[in-house]
């Protein structure tokens, strides 16, 4: 199965939840946020 590439702008609650959900469904996630410490988690 091919990995889908997905970018999520915003590493708040919704962005983080979507990134986890879509990563489990074989998406290659790029999560962008303006707070580096939050994005690193």
N, C-alpha and C. Protein backbone atom coordinates (compact mmCIF):
# COMPACT_ATOMS: atom_id res chain seq x y z
N UNK A 1 0.84 -1.18 0.00
CA UNK A 1 0.00 0.00 0.00
C UNK A 1 0.89 1.24 0.00
N UNK A 2 0.51 2.23 -0.79
CA UNK A 2 1.27 3.46 -0.93
C UNK A 2 1.01 4.40 0.25
N UNK A 3 2.08 5.01 0.76
CA UNK A 3 1.93 6.02 1.82
C UNK A 3 1.40 7.31 1.22
N UNK A 4 0.39 7.87 1.85
CA UNK A 4 -0.13 9.18 1.45
C UNK A 4 0.65 10.25 2.22
N UNK A 5 1.01 11.32 1.56
CA UNK A 5 1.71 12.43 2.23
C UNK A 5 0.68 13.47 2.64
N UNK A 6 0.71 13.85 3.91
CA UNK A 6 -0.26 14.78 4.45
C UNK A 6 0.45 15.82 5.30
N UNK A 7 0.10 17.08 5.11
CA UNK A 7 0.63 18.17 5.93
C UNK A 7 -0.50 18.73 6.78
N UNK A 8 -0.24 18.90 8.07
CA UNK A 8 -1.22 19.47 8.99
C UNK A 8 -0.63 20.76 9.53
N UNK A 9 -1.34 21.85 9.32
CA UNK A 9 -0.90 23.16 9.81
C UNK A 9 -1.58 23.42 11.14
N UNK A 10 -0.79 23.40 12.20
CA UNK A 10 -1.32 23.62 13.54
C UNK A 10 -1.12 22.39 14.40
N UNK A 11 -0.33 22.52 15.44
CA UNK A 11 0.00 21.39 16.31
C UNK A 11 -0.76 21.45 17.62
N UNK A 12 -1.91 22.09 17.60
CA UNK A 12 -2.75 22.12 18.80
C UNK A 12 -3.45 20.79 19.00
N UNK A 13 -4.49 20.79 19.78
CA UNK A 13 -5.21 19.56 20.08
C UNK A 13 -5.74 18.84 18.85
N UNK A 14 -6.41 19.57 17.97
CA UNK A 14 -6.99 18.96 16.77
C UNK A 14 -5.91 18.48 15.81
N UNK A 15 -4.91 19.31 15.57
CA UNK A 15 -3.85 18.94 14.64
C UNK A 15 -3.08 17.71 15.10
N UNK A 16 -2.80 17.66 16.39
CA UNK A 16 -2.08 16.51 16.94
C UNK A 16 -2.93 15.25 16.86
N UNK A 17 -4.21 15.36 17.21
CA UNK A 17 -5.11 14.20 17.15
C UNK A 17 -5.23 13.68 15.72
N UNK A 18 -5.39 14.58 14.76
CA UNK A 18 -5.48 14.15 13.36
C UNK A 18 -4.19 13.51 12.88
N UNK A 19 -3.05 14.06 13.31
CA UNK A 19 -1.78 13.49 12.86
C UNK A 19 -1.60 12.07 13.39
N UNK A 20 -1.99 11.82 14.62
CA UNK A 20 -1.88 10.46 15.19
C UNK A 20 -2.82 9.51 14.45
N UNK A 21 -4.06 9.94 14.25
CA UNK A 21 -5.06 9.11 13.57
C UNK A 21 -4.61 8.77 12.15
N UNK A 22 -4.19 9.77 11.39
CA UNK A 22 -3.80 9.53 10.01
C UNK A 22 -2.49 8.78 9.90
N UNK A 23 -1.58 8.94 10.86
CA UNK A 23 -0.33 8.17 10.84
C UNK A 23 -0.63 6.69 11.00
N UNK A 24 -1.62 6.36 11.81
CA UNK A 24 -2.03 4.96 11.98
C UNK A 24 -2.64 4.39 10.70
N UNK A 25 -3.14 5.28 9.83
CA UNK A 25 -3.75 4.85 8.57
C UNK A 25 -2.76 4.99 7.40
N UNK A 26 -1.48 4.95 7.72
CA UNK A 26 -0.39 4.93 6.74
C UNK A 26 -0.26 6.22 5.95
N UNK A 27 -0.38 7.34 6.63
CA UNK A 27 -0.08 8.64 6.03
C UNK A 27 1.29 9.08 6.53
N UNK A 28 2.07 9.64 5.64
CA UNK A 28 3.35 10.25 6.01
C UNK A 28 3.03 11.68 6.42
N UNK A 29 3.11 11.97 7.72
CA UNK A 29 2.61 13.23 8.27
C UNK A 29 3.73 14.26 8.43
N UNK A 30 3.45 15.48 8.00
CA UNK A 30 4.28 16.63 8.31
C UNK A 30 3.42 17.55 9.17
N UNK A 31 3.76 17.67 10.44
CA UNK A 31 3.00 18.48 11.39
C UNK A 31 3.73 19.79 11.61
N UNK A 32 3.09 20.90 11.31
CA UNK A 32 3.70 22.22 11.45
C UNK A 32 3.03 22.96 12.59
N UNK A 33 3.85 23.61 13.40
CA UNK A 33 3.32 24.44 14.48
C UNK A 33 4.29 25.57 14.79
N UNK A 34 3.78 26.60 15.43
CA UNK A 34 4.64 27.75 15.75
C UNK A 34 5.30 27.62 17.11
N UNK A 35 5.07 26.51 17.81
CA UNK A 35 5.68 26.25 19.11
C UNK A 35 6.56 25.00 18.98
N UNK A 36 7.89 25.16 18.80
CA UNK A 36 8.77 24.01 18.55
C UNK A 36 8.69 22.92 19.62
N UNK A 37 8.52 23.27 20.87
CA UNK A 37 8.49 22.24 21.91
C UNK A 37 7.25 21.36 21.78
N UNK A 38 6.15 21.91 21.33
CA UNK A 38 4.93 21.11 21.16
C UNK A 38 5.05 20.17 19.96
N UNK A 39 5.65 20.65 18.88
CA UNK A 39 5.78 19.84 17.68
C UNK A 39 6.73 18.67 17.91
N UNK A 40 7.77 18.85 18.70
CA UNK A 40 8.74 17.79 18.96
C UNK A 40 8.12 16.60 19.68
N UNK A 41 7.11 16.84 20.48
CA UNK A 41 6.46 15.73 21.20
C UNK A 41 5.76 14.89 20.20
